[in-house]
C-alpha atoms as a PDB file:
ATOM      1  CA  UNK A   1     209.201 204.734  71.626  1.00  0.00           C
ATOM      2  CA  UNK A   2     210.053 207.127  74.259  1.00  0.00           C
ATOM      3  CA  UNK A   3     211.629 210.562  73.421  1.00  0.00           C
ATOM      4  CA  UNK A   4     215.136 210.374  72.970  1.00  0.00           C
ATOM      5  CA  UNK A   5     215.733 213.784  73.943  1.00  0.00           C
ATOM      6  CA  UNK A   6     214.615 213.345  77.545  1.00  0.00           C
ATOM      7  CA  UNK A   7     216.425 209.850  77.825  1.00  0.00           C
ATOM      8  CA  UNK A   8     218.919 211.720  80.075  1.00  0.00           C
ATOM      9  CA  UNK A   9     216.849 212.200  82.859  1.00  0.00           C
ATOM     10  CA  UNK A  10     216.638 208.554  83.055  1.00  0.00           C
ATOM     11  CA  UNK A  11     220.017 207.013  81.684  1.00  0.00           C
ATOM     12  CA  UNK A  12     222.399 206.839  84.746  1.00  0.00           C
ATOM     13  CA  UNK A  13     222.836 203.161  85.525  1.00  0.00           C
ATOM     14  CA  UNK A  14     225.225 200.394  83.712  1.00  0.00           C
ATOM     15  CA  UNK A  15     221.542 198.652  83.162  1.00  0.00           C
ATOM     16  CA  UNK A  16     220.280 202.133  81.414  1.00  0.00           C
ATOM     17  CA  UNK A  17     223.093 202.887  79.630  1.00  0.00           C
ATOM     18  CA  UNK A  18     223.982 199.499  77.937  1.00  0.00           C
ATOM     19  CA  UNK A  19     220.634 197.239  78.379  1.00  0.00           C
ATOM     20  CA  UNK A  20     217.888 200.250  78.024  1.00  0.00           C
ATOM     21  CA  UNK A  21     219.748 202.503  75.861  1.00  0.00           C
ATOM     22  CA  UNK A  22     221.125 199.075  73.561  1.00  0.00           C
ATOM     23  CA  UNK A  23     217.819 198.270  73.287  1.00  0.00           C
ATOM     24  CA  UNK A  24     215.592 201.112  72.307  1.00  0.00           C
ATOM     25  CA  UNK A  25     218.084 202.269  69.434  1.00  0.00           C
ATOM     26  CA  UNK A  26     217.690 198.902  68.196  1.00  0.00           C
ATOM     27  CA  UNK A  27     214.405 198.712  68.207  1.00  0.00           C
ATOM     28  CA  UNK A  28     213.629 201.972  66.944  1.00  0.00           C
ATOM     29  CA  UNK A  29     215.910 200.565  64.162  1.00  0.00           C
ATOM     30  CA  UNK A  30     213.572 197.358  63.825  1.00  0.00           C
ATOM     31  CA  UNK A  31     216.235 195.246  64.549  1.00  0.00           C
ATOM     32  CA  UNK A  32     214.595 191.709  66.178  1.00  0.00           C
ATOM     33  CA  UNK A  33     215.090 192.309  70.125  1.00  0.00           C
ATOM     34  CA  UNK A  34     213.114 191.991  73.168  1.00  0.00           C
ATOM     35  CA  UNK A  35     213.831 192.928  76.700  1.00  0.00           C
ATOM     36  CA  UNK A  36     213.172 190.739  79.556  1.00  0.00           C
ATOM     37  CA  UNK A  37     213.463 190.829  83.541  1.00  0.00           C
ATOM     38  CA  UNK A  38     214.763 187.354  83.677  1.00  0.00           C
ATOM     39  CA  UNK A  39     217.181 185.074  81.752  1.00  0.00           C
ATOM     40  CA  UNK A  40     215.418 183.196  78.628  1.00  0.00           C
ATOM     41  CA  UNK A  41     216.721 179.729  78.778  1.00  0.00           C
ATOM     42  CA  UNK A  42     218.045 178.510  75.738  1.00  0.00           C
ATOM     43  CA  UNK A  43     218.644 181.960  73.955  1.00  0.00           C
ATOM     44  CA  UNK A  44     221.359 184.996  73.685  1.00  0.00           C
ATOM     45  CA  UNK A  45     220.776 187.478  76.704  1.00  0.00           C
ATOM     46  CA  UNK A  46     222.618 190.954  76.962  1.00  0.00           C
ATOM     47  CA  UNK A  47     223.412 191.854  80.385  1.00  0.00           C
ATOM     48  CA  UNK A  48     224.834 194.600  82.302  1.00  0.00           C
ATOM     49  CA  UNK A  49     227.481 192.221  83.760  1.00  0.00           C
ATOM     50  CA  UNK A  50     228.191 194.326  86.508  1.00  0.00           C
ATOM     51  CA  UNK A  51     224.563 193.521  87.583  1.00  0.00           C
ATOM     52  CA  UNK A  52     224.932 189.665  86.877  1.00  0.00           C
ATOM     53  CA  UNK A  53     225.602 187.615  89.711  1.00  0.00           C
ATOM     54  CA  UNK A  54     226.145 183.869  90.687  1.00  0.00           C
ATOM     55  CA  UNK A  55     222.298 183.529  91.827  1.00  0.00           C
ATOM     56  CA  UNK A  56     220.903 184.412  88.687  1.00  0.00           C
ATOM     57  CA  UNK A  57     221.833 180.829  87.388  1.00  0.00           C
ATOM     58  CA  UNK A  58     222.719 181.850  83.627  1.00  0.00           C
ATOM     59  CA  UNK A  59     224.047 178.419  82.964  1.00  0.00           C
ATOM     60  CA  UNK A  60     221.194 177.489  80.312  1.00  0.00           C
ATOM     61  CA  UNK A  61     221.513 180.515  78.593  1.00  0.00           C
ATOM     62  CA  UNK A  62     223.793 182.271  76.067  1.00  0.00           C
ATOM     63  CA  UNK A  63     225.114 185.716  77.871  1.00  0.00           C
ATOM     64  CA  UNK A  64     226.621 188.601  76.768  1.00  0.00           C
ATOM     65  CA  UNK A  65     227.974 190.982  79.136  1.00  0.00           C
ATOM     66  CA  UNK A  66     228.595 194.459  78.566  1.00  0.00           C
ATOM     67  CA  UNK A  67     231.454 194.969  81.081  1.00  0.00           C
ATOM     68  CA  UNK A  68     231.275 198.972  81.186  1.00  0.00           C
ATOM     69  CA  UNK A  69     233.642 200.043  83.863  1.00  0.00           C
ATOM     70  CA  UNK A  70     234.088 196.410  85.891  1.00  0.00           C
ATOM     71  CA  UNK A  71     235.926 193.325  85.531  1.00  0.00           C
ATOM     72  CA  UNK A  72     236.319 190.655  82.557  1.00  0.00           C
ATOM     73  CA  UNK A  73     232.955 189.134  83.129  1.00  0.00           C
ATOM     74  CA  UNK A  74     233.440 185.029  83.962  1.00  0.00           C
ATOM     75  CA  UNK A  75     229.692 184.450  83.790  1.00  0.00           C
ATOM     76  CA  UNK A  76     229.515 185.478  80.635  1.00  0.00           C
ATOM     77  CA  UNK A  77     229.993 183.321  76.936  1.00  0.00           C
ATOM     78  CA  UNK A  78     231.070 187.002  75.438  1.00  0.00           C
ATOM     79  CA  UNK A  79     231.967 190.451  76.862  1.00  0.00           C
ATOM     80  CA  UNK A  80     231.458 193.570  74.982  1.00  0.00           C
ATOM     81  CA  UNK A  81     234.267 196.211  76.096  1.00  0.00           C
ATOM     82  CA  UNK A  82     234.331 199.666  75.824  1.00  0.00           C
ATOM     83  CA  UNK A  83     238.172 200.059  75.797  1.00  0.00           C
ATOM     84  CA  UNK A  84     240.770 198.098  73.611  1.00  0.00           C
ATOM     85  CA  UNK A  85     243.025 197.670  76.394  1.00  0.00           C
ATOM     86  CA  UNK A  86     240.192 195.151  77.743  1.00  0.00           C
ATOM     87  CA  UNK A  87     240.060 192.987  74.456  1.00  0.00           C
ATOM     88  CA  UNK A  88     241.319 189.973  76.553  1.00  0.00           C
ATOM     89  CA  UNK A  89     240.054 187.272  74.601  1.00  0.00           C
ATOM     90  CA  UNK A  90     238.789 185.846  71.505  1.00  0.00           C
ATOM     91  CA  UNK A  91     235.439 186.053  73.260  1.00  0.00           C
ATOM     92  CA  UNK A  92     235.834 189.724  73.701  1.00  0.00           C
ATOM     93  CA  UNK A  93     234.005 192.348  71.161  1.00  0.00           C
ATOM     94  CA  UNK A  94     234.804 196.526  70.933  1.00  0.00           C
ATOM     95  CA  UNK A  95     232.183 198.368  70.584  1.00  0.00           C
ATOM     96  CA  UNK A  96     232.040 201.761  71.982  1.00  0.00           C
ATOM     97  CA  UNK A  97     229.544 203.190  74.592  1.00  0.00           C
ATOM     98  CA  UNK A  98     226.612 205.156  73.109  1.00  0.00           C
ATOM     99  CA  UNK A  99     227.044 209.239  72.771  1.00  0.00           C
ATOM    100  CA  UNK A 100     224.997 210.883  75.865  1.00  0.00           C
ATOM    101  CA  UNK A 101     221.374 210.832  75.295  1.00  0.00           C
ATOM    102  CA  UNK A 102     219.935 214.154  74.490  1.00  0.00           C
ATOM    103  CA  UNK A 103     223.062 215.966  73.957  1.00  0.00           C
ATOM    104  CA  UNK A 104     222.706 219.359  73.168  1.00  0.00           C
ATOM    105  CA  UNK A 105     225.461 221.269  71.362  1.00  0.00           C
ATOM    106  CA  UNK A 106     227.473 224.190  72.325  1.00  0.00           C
ATOM    107  CA  UNK A 107     225.601 227.545  70.909  1.00  0.00           C
ATOM    108  CA  UNK A 108     227.499 228.203  67.728  1.00  0.00           C
ATOM    109  CA  UNK A 109     227.116 232.045  68.381  1.00  0.00           C
ATOM    110  CA  UNK A 110     229.488 231.657  71.218  1.00  0.00           C
ATOM    111  CA  UNK A 111     231.945 231.855  68.440  1.00  0.00           C
ATOM    112  CA  UNK A 112     235.966 232.155  70.102  1.00  0.00           C
ATOM    113  CA  UNK A 113     234.683 232.953  73.795  1.00  0.00           C
ATOM    114  CA  UNK A 114     236.326 230.837  76.526  1.00  0.00           C
ATOM    115  CA  UNK A 115     234.722 231.795  79.617  1.00  0.00           C
ATOM    116  CA  UNK A 116     233.142 228.339  80.724  1.00  0.00           C
ATOM    117  CA  UNK A 117     234.861 225.422  81.703  1.00  0.00           C
ATOM    118  CA  UNK A 118     232.966 222.262  82.404  1.00  0.00           C
ATOM    119  CA  UNK A 119     233.485 218.983  84.267  1.00  0.00           C
ATOM    120  CA  UNK A 120     230.599 216.588  83.840  1.00  0.00           C
ATOM    121  CA  UNK A 121     230.890 214.103  86.563  1.00  0.00           C
ATOM    122  CA  UNK A 122     230.648 213.346  89.857  1.00  0.00           C
ATOM    123  CA  UNK A 123     232.775 215.505  91.790  1.00  0.00           C
ATOM    124  CA  UNK A 124     235.078 213.209  93.969  1.00  0.00           C
ATOM    125  CA  UNK A 125     236.161 211.822  90.855  1.00  0.00           C
ATOM    126  CA  UNK A 126     237.759 214.854  89.486  1.00  0.00           C
ATOM    127  CA  UNK A 127     241.610 215.254  90.627  1.00  0.00           C
ATOM    128  CA  UNK A 128     241.431 217.554  93.973  1.00  0.00           C
ATOM    129  CA  UNK A 129     244.178 219.973  93.053  1.00  0.00           C
ATOM    130  CA  UNK A 130     241.133 221.251  90.236  1.00  0.00           C
ATOM    131  CA  UNK A 131     238.868 221.881  93.318  1.00  0.00           C
ATOM    132  CA  UNK A 132     240.942 224.387  94.891  1.00  0.00           C
ATOM    133  CA  UNK A 133     240.031 227.550  95.535  1.00  0.00           C
ATOM    134  CA  UNK A 134     244.012 228.290  94.013  1.00  0.00           C
ATOM    135  CA  UNK A 135     242.734 227.188  90.709  1.00  0.00           C
ATOM    136  CA  UNK A 136     239.617 228.873  90.980  1.00  0.00           C
ATOM    137  CA  UNK A 137     241.059 231.836  91.545  1.00  0.00           C
ATOM    138  CA  UNK A 138     243.706 231.726  88.934  1.00  0.00           C
ATOM    139  CA  UNK A 139     241.044 231.013  86.527  1.00  0.00           C
ATOM    140  CA  UNK A 140     239.154 234.135  87.495  1.00  0.00           C
ATOM    141  CA  UNK A 141     242.727 236.172  86.367  1.00  0.00           C
ATOM    142  CA  UNK A 142     241.882 234.957  83.040  1.00  0.00           C
ATOM    143  CA  UNK A 143     238.370 235.389  83.159  1.00  0.00           C
ATOM    144  CA  UNK A 144     237.069 232.128  83.260  1.00  0.00           C
ATOM    145  CA  UNK A 145     235.084 230.337  85.334  1.00  0.00           C
ATOM    146  CA  UNK A 146     234.783 226.160  86.097  1.00  0.00           C
ATOM    147  CA  UNK A 147     231.385 225.070  86.484  1.00  0.00           C
ATOM    148  CA  UNK A 148     231.416 221.426  88.033  1.00  0.00           C
ATOM    149  CA  UNK A 149     228.026 219.474  86.587  1.00  0.00           C
ATOM    150  CA  UNK A 150     227.593 216.955  89.175  1.00  0.00           C
ATOM    151  CA  UNK A 151     224.679 215.309  90.745  1.00  0.00           C
ATOM    152  CA  UNK A 152     222.247 217.927  92.301  1.00  0.00           C
ATOM    153  CA  UNK A 153     220.253 216.405  95.014  1.00  0.00           C
ATOM    154  CA  UNK A 154     216.490 216.052  93.629  1.00  0.00           C
ATOM    155  CA  UNK A 155     217.240 217.409  90.549  1.00  0.00           C
ATOM    156  CA  UNK A 156     218.133 215.441  86.976  1.00  0.00           C
ATOM    157  CA  UNK A 157     221.833 215.361  86.182  1.00  0.00           C
ATOM    158  CA  UNK A 158     223.017 218.197  83.803  1.00  0.00           C
ATOM    159  CA  UNK A 159     225.312 216.074  81.372  1.00  0.00           C
ATOM    160  CA  UNK A 160     223.904 216.695  78.410  1.00  0.00           C
ATOM    161  CA  UNK A 161     223.659 219.912  78.121  1.00  0.00           C
ATOM    162  CA  UNK A 162     226.689 221.676  76.142  1.00  0.00           C
ATOM    163  CA  UNK A 163     225.049 225.253  75.642  1.00  0.00           C
ATOM    164  CA  UNK A 164     227.532 227.581  77.229  1.00  0.00           C
ATOM    165  CA  UNK A 165     230.755 225.346  77.639  1.00  0.00           C
ATOM    166  CA  UNK A 166     233.761 226.759  75.598  1.00  0.00           C
ATOM    167  CA  UNK A 167     236.216 223.976  77.040  1.00  0.00           C
ATOM    168  CA  UNK A 168     235.570 220.413  78.975  1.00  0.00           C
ATOM    169  CA  UNK A 169     237.676 219.417  81.691  1.00  0.00           C
ATOM    170  CA  UNK A 170     238.080 215.718  82.703  1.00  0.00           C
ATOM    171  CA  UNK A 171     241.258 214.668  84.802  1.00  0.00           C
ATOM    172  CA  UNK A 172     241.056 211.669  87.483  1.00  0.00           C
ATOM    173  CA  UNK A 173     243.646 210.515  89.425  1.00  0.00           C
ATOM    174  CA  UNK A 174     242.618 206.670  88.525  1.00  0.00           C
ATOM    175  CA  UNK A 175     244.958 203.653  89.552  1.00  0.00           C
ATOM    176  CA  UNK A 176     246.368 202.420  86.391  1.00  0.00           C
ATOM    177  CA  UNK A 177     244.025 199.178  86.031  1.00  0.00           C
ATOM    178  CA  UNK A 178     241.212 201.345  86.710  1.00  0.00           C
ATOM    179  CA  UNK A 179     242.101 203.606  84.139  1.00  0.00           C
ATOM    180  CA  UNK A 180     242.114 200.820  81.753  1.00  0.00           C
ATOM    181  CA  UNK A 181     238.202 200.232  82.103  1.00  0.00           C
ATOM    182  CA  UNK A 182     237.217 203.182  81.451  1.00  0.00           C
ATOM    183  CA  UNK A 183     235.754 204.620  77.969  1.00  0.00           C
ATOM    184  CA  UNK A 184     235.968 208.001  75.909  1.00  0.00           C
ATOM    185  CA  UNK A 185     233.051 209.289  76.566  1.00  0.00           C
ATOM    186  CA  UNK A 186     234.240 212.211  77.635  1.00  0.00           C
ATOM    187  CA  UNK A 187     236.047 213.001  74.947  1.00  0.00           C
ATOM    188  CA  UNK A 188     233.802 211.651  72.132  1.00  0.00           C
ATOM    189  CA  UNK A 189     230.679 213.594  74.064  1.00  0.00           C
ATOM    190  CA  UNK A 190     232.772 216.777  73.720  1.00  0.00           C
ATOM    191  CA  UNK A 191     233.239 216.129  70.186  1.00  0.00           C
ATOM    192  CA  UNK A 192     230.145 215.530  69.461  1.00  0.00           C
ATOM    193  CA  UNK A 193     229.245 219.094  71.422  1.00  0.00           C
ATOM    194  CA  UNK A 194     231.647 220.834  69.750  1.00  0.00           C
ATOM    195  CA  UNK A 195     233.503 221.712  72.580  1.00  0.00           C
ATOM    196  CA  UNK A 196     237.748 221.246  72.842  1.00  0.00           C
ATOM    197  CA  UNK A 197     238.469 219.104  76.256  1.00  0.00           C
ATOM    198  CA  UNK A 198     241.455 219.150  78.152  1.00  0.00           C
ATOM    199  CA  UNK A 199     241.485 215.766  79.691  1.00  0.00           C
ATOM    200  CA  UNK A 200     243.510 213.492  81.750  1.00  0.00           C
ATOM    201  CA  UNK A 201     246.261 210.748  80.685  1.00  0.00           C
ATOM    202  CA  UNK A 202     243.626 207.805  80.262  1.00  0.00           C
ATOM    203  CA  UNK A 203     244.555 205.187  77.851  1.00  0.00           C
ATOM    204  CA  UNK A 204     241.051 205.376  76.130  1.00  0.00           C
ATOM    205  CA  UNK A 205     241.595 209.356  75.315  1.00  0.00           C
ATOM    206  CA  UNK A 206     245.178 207.887  74.157  1.00  0.00           C
ATOM    207  CA  UNK A 207     244.159 205.247  72.021  1.00  0.00           C
ATOM    208  CA  UNK A 208     241.437 207.703  70.214  1.00  0.00           C
ATOM    209  CA  UNK A 209     244.632 210.563  69.069  1.00  0.00           C
ATOM    210  CA  UNK A 210     244.867 211.267  65.318  1.00  0.00           C
ATOM    211  CA  UNK A 211     246.659 214.901  66.036  1.00  0.00           C
ATOM    212  CA  UNK A 212     246.982 217.597  68.575  1.00  0.00           C
ATOM    213  CA  UNK A 213     243.507 218.988  67.552  1.00  0.00           C
ATOM    214  CA  UNK A 214     242.006 216.080  68.786  1.00  0.00           C
ATOM    215  CA  UNK A 215     242.201 217.050  72.359  1.00  0.00           C
ATOM    216  CA  UNK A 216     244.847 218.681  75.134  1.00  0.00           C
ATOM    217  CA  UNK A 217     246.315 216.364  77.685  1.00  0.00           C
ATOM    218  CA  UNK A 218     246.693 217.893  81.325  1.00  0.00           C
ATOM    219  CA  UNK A 219     247.725 216.456  85.031  1.00  0.00           C
ATOM    220  CA  UNK A 220     247.968 219.566  86.778  1.00  0.00           C
ATOM    221  CA  UNK A 221     246.027 223.279  86.867  1.00  0.00           C
ATOM    222  CA  UNK A 222     249.378 224.796  85.807  1.00  0.00           C
ATOM    223  CA  UNK A 223     249.186 222.769  82.668  1.00  0.00           C
ATOM    224  CA  UNK A 224     245.377 223.867  82.097  1.00  0.00           C
ATOM    225  CA  UNK A 225     245.887 227.581  82.920  1.00  0.00           C
ATOM    226  CA  UNK A 226     248.534 227.583  80.221  1.00  0.00           C
ATOM    227  CA  UNK A 227     246.668 225.289  77.630  1.00  0.00           C
ATOM    228  CA  UNK A 228     243.899 228.050  78.320  1.00  0.00           C
ATOM    229  CA  UNK A 229     245.940 231.260  77.698  1.00  0.00           C
ATOM    230  CA  UNK A 230     247.393 229.494  74.818  1.00  0.00           C
ATOM    231  CA  UNK A 231     243.654 229.343  73.118  1.00  0.00           C
ATOM    232  CA  UNK A 232     242.901 232.357  74.180  1.00  0.00           C
ATOM    233  CA  UNK A 233     245.216 233.846  72.457  1.00  0.00           C
ATOM    234  CA  UNK A 234     245.113 231.344  69.221  1.00  0.00           C
ATOM    235  CA  UNK A 235     241.207 232.006  68.285  1.00  0.00           C
ATOM    236  CA  UNK A 236     242.190 229.585  65.055  1.00  0.00           C
ATOM    237  CA  UNK A 237     243.651 226.960  66.793  1.00  0.00           C
ATOM    238  CA  UNK A 238     240.290 226.973  69.286  1.00  0.00           C
ATOM    239  CA  UNK A 239     238.006 226.794  65.868  1.00  0.00           C
ATOM    240  CA  UNK A 240     239.898 224.156  64.403  1.00  0.00           C
ATOM    241  CA  UNK A 241     239.632 221.981  67.363  1.00  0.00           C
ATOM    242  CA  UNK A 242     236.359 222.471  67.348  1.00  0.00           C
ATOM    243  CA  UNK A 243     235.954 221.629  63.109  1.00  0.00           C
ATOM    244  CA  UNK A 244     238.282 218.837  64.313  1.00  0.00           C
ATOM    245  CA  UNK A 245     236.108 217.224  67.039  1.00  0.00           C
ATOM    246  CA  UNK A 246     232.901 217.433  64.996  1.00  0.00           C
ATOM    247  CA  UNK A 247     234.751 215.540  61.989  1.00  0.00           C
ATOM    248  CA  UNK A 248     235.895 212.821  64.434  1.00  0.00           C
ATOM    249  CA  UNK A 249     232.427 212.618  65.909  1.00  0.00           C
ATOM    250  CA  UNK A 250     231.141 211.207  63.007  1.00  0.00           C
ATOM    251  CA  UNK A 251     232.408 207.808  63.791  1.00  0.00           C
ATOM    252  CA  UNK A 252     230.790 207.878  67.510  1.00  0.00           C
ATOM    253  CA  UNK A 253     226.762 208.668  65.873  1.00  0.00           C
ATOM    254  CA  UNK A 254     224.136 206.262  67.025  1.00  0.00           C
ATOM    255  CA  UNK A 255     223.423 205.082  63.495  1.00  0.00           C
ATOM    256  CA  UNK A 256     227.409 203.514  63.467  1.00  0.00           C
ATOM    257  CA  UNK A 257     227.215 202.335  67.229  1.00  0.00           C
ATOM    258  CA  UNK A 258     224.007 200.501  66.631  1.00  0.00           C
ATOM    259  CA  UNK A 259     225.217 199.075  63.416  1.00  0.00           C
ATOM    260  CA  UNK A 260     228.350 197.619  65.270  1.00  0.00           C
ATOM    261  CA  UNK A 261     225.671 196.355  67.548  1.00  0.00           C
ATOM    262  CA  UNK A 262     223.850 194.648  64.728  1.00  0.00           C
ATOM    263  CA  UNK A 263     227.201 193.202  63.211  1.00  0.00           C
ATOM    264  CA  UNK A 264     227.776 191.752  65.992  1.00  0.00           C
ATOM    265  CA  UNK A 265     224.971 190.182  67.195  1.00  0.00           C
ATOM    266  CA  UNK A 266     224.643 188.783  63.635  1.00  0.00           C
ATOM    267  CA  UNK A 267     228.077 187.798  63.265  1.00  0.00           C
ATOM    268  CA  UNK A 268     230.501 186.691  66.017  1.00  0.00           C
ATOM    269  CA  UNK A 269     227.704 186.161  68.738  1.00  0.00           C
ATOM    270  CA  UNK A 270     225.481 184.086  66.300  1.00  0.00           C
ATOM    271  CA  UNK A 271     227.775 181.877  65.611  1.00  0.00           C
ATOM    272  CA  UNK A 272     229.372 181.083  68.925  1.00  0.00           C
ATOM    273  CA  UNK A 273     225.568 180.750  70.279  1.00  0.00           C
ATOM    274  CA  UNK A 274     225.331 178.005  67.834  1.00  0.00           C
ATOM    275  CA  UNK A 275     228.363 176.199  69.153  1.00  0.00           C
ATOM    276  CA  UNK A 276     227.049 176.912  72.512  1.00  0.00           C
ATOM    277  CA  UNK A 277     223.850 175.313  71.337  1.00  0.00           C
ATOM    278  CA  UNK A 278     225.391 171.911  70.960  1.00  0.00           C
ATOM    279  CA  UNK A 279     226.663 171.618  74.372  1.00  0.00           C
ATOM    280  CA  UNK A 280     224.850 169.299  76.761  1.00  0.00           C
ATOM    281  CA  UNK A 281     223.054 170.632  79.886  1.00  0.00           C
ATOM    282  CA  UNK A 282     225.712 169.133  81.581  1.00  0.00           C
ATOM    283  CA  UNK A 283     228.737 170.450  80.141  1.00  0.00           C
ATOM    284  CA  UNK A 284     226.894 173.878  80.708  1.00  0.00           C
ATOM    285  CA  UNK A 285     226.355 173.460  84.234  1.00  0.00           C
ATOM    286  CA  UNK A 286     229.834 172.486  84.926  1.00  0.00           C
ATOM    287  CA  UNK A 287     231.410 175.648  82.827  1.00  0.00           C
ATOM    288  CA  UNK A 288     229.038 177.281  85.137  1.00  0.00           C
ATOM    289  CA  UNK A 289     230.450 176.212  88.329  1.00  0.00           C
ATOM    290  CA  UNK A 290     234.193 177.063  87.021  1.00  0.00           C
ATOM    291  CA  UNK A 291     233.216 180.490  86.223  1.00  0.00           C
ATOM    292  CA  UNK A 292     231.155 181.113  89.636  1.00  0.00           C
ATOM    293  CA  UNK A 293     234.836 180.165  91.367  1.00  0.00           C
ATOM    294  CA  UNK A 294     236.148 182.769  88.961  1.00  0.00           C
ATOM    295  CA  UNK A 295     233.565 185.502  89.033  1.00  0.00           C
ATOM    296  CA  UNK A 296     234.251 185.584  93.014  1.00  0.00           C
ATOM    297  CA  UNK A 297     238.178 186.204  92.547  1.00  0.00           C
ATOM    298  CA  UNK A 298     237.529 188.770  89.951  1.00  0.00           C
ATOM    299  CA  UNK A 299     235.033 190.633  92.313  1.00  0.00           C
ATOM    300  CA  UNK A 300     237.732 190.448  94.994  1.00  0.00           C
ATOM    301  CA  UNK A 301     239.988 191.729  92.579  1.00  0.00           C
ATOM    302  CA  UNK A 302     238.160 194.793  90.915  1.00  0.00           C
ATOM    303  CA  UNK A 303     237.731 196.058  94.736  1.00  0.00           C
ATOM    304  CA  UNK A 304     241.644 196.126  94.999  1.00  0.00           C
ATOM    305  CA  UNK A 305     242.189 197.377  91.520  1.00  0.00           C
ATOM    306  CA  UNK A 306     239.882 200.334  92.182  1.00  0.00           C
ATOM    307  CA  UNK A 307     241.445 201.101  95.613  1.00  0.00           C
ATOM    308  CA  UNK A 308     244.809 200.159  95.139  1.00  0.00           C
ATOM    309  CA  UNK A 309     247.826 200.608  93.007  1.00  0.00           C
ATOM    310  CA  UNK A 310     249.698 202.740  90.989  1.00  0.00           C
ATOM    311  CA  UNK A 311     247.774 206.550  90.554  1.00  0.00           C
ATOM    312  CA  UNK A 312     248.151 207.951  86.812  1.00  0.00           C
ATOM    313  CA  UNK A 313     248.557 211.592  87.630  1.00  0.00           C
ATOM    314  CA  UNK A 314     250.325 211.725  91.161  1.00  0.00           C
ATOM    315  CA  UNK A 315     252.309 208.350  90.780  1.00  0.00           C
ATOM    316  CA  UNK A 316     250.945 207.711  94.815  1.00  0.00           C
ATOM    317  CA  UNK A 317     250.864 203.759  95.169  1.00  0.00           C
ATOM    318  CA  UNK A 318     248.456 202.942  98.039  1.00  0.00           C
END
């Protein structure tokens, strides 16, 4: 098995996150899974559904598709979804996204220091007002800087390293339908790292809210600046948010998510697989032909949903 603490340099694509990482974590726990570069006839095959194409001709395999940030996968018999909003049929199963591999938590000796705000992701996805010089200047007045951990050229991404991060910022002006497919990963990773978060109004974040200590919702730089001022003036609340996040993160440990995978594979998926095996090859081929048409429609709708629609922060429609 590889060194799991070093996987952050390799786990970046949908297939990495949902197939490679899932295989490694389950195999590490002695669960009987194997990995292949092709679909095995007659077997349960777990695939990253955004990478699944009609040309793969999967009609003779029982396909479990990990939906990720994509559309409901018509070519799959079962869909693994990462957001409750995507539970659209009886064949959808909710399993959280894995936490960031090799995650390095915030240094305890930083105490109540609030100096570094981190955005971990592609800069193009950060809501534009937060990238402005004016916001940077206002942060400097508070003694705070914004660090954008993007994708540096020819260097590994540093989304796993929270050692010197004091707050996490993640505000994206997504379309409403695009937002429905996003996971709560930025929040769960922040909890795990012991770093309070300021997040945009995404459904996956809101779905996890149990108290005001879970995170601070912001839509504008002004709201973020006010939140920072309040936390600086209330160090006890800042510490409460850290402790609350660490407690909430216990539900999303690798062991807990691996157990959810095992229960799904050995339970609901296995039962549906038994029913699928009773179908004739003609029946499976006919179903695949219909699903291929639905797949083409879903692909076009995904592109439309990503670029067009009502946006959750600016309220703009395009």
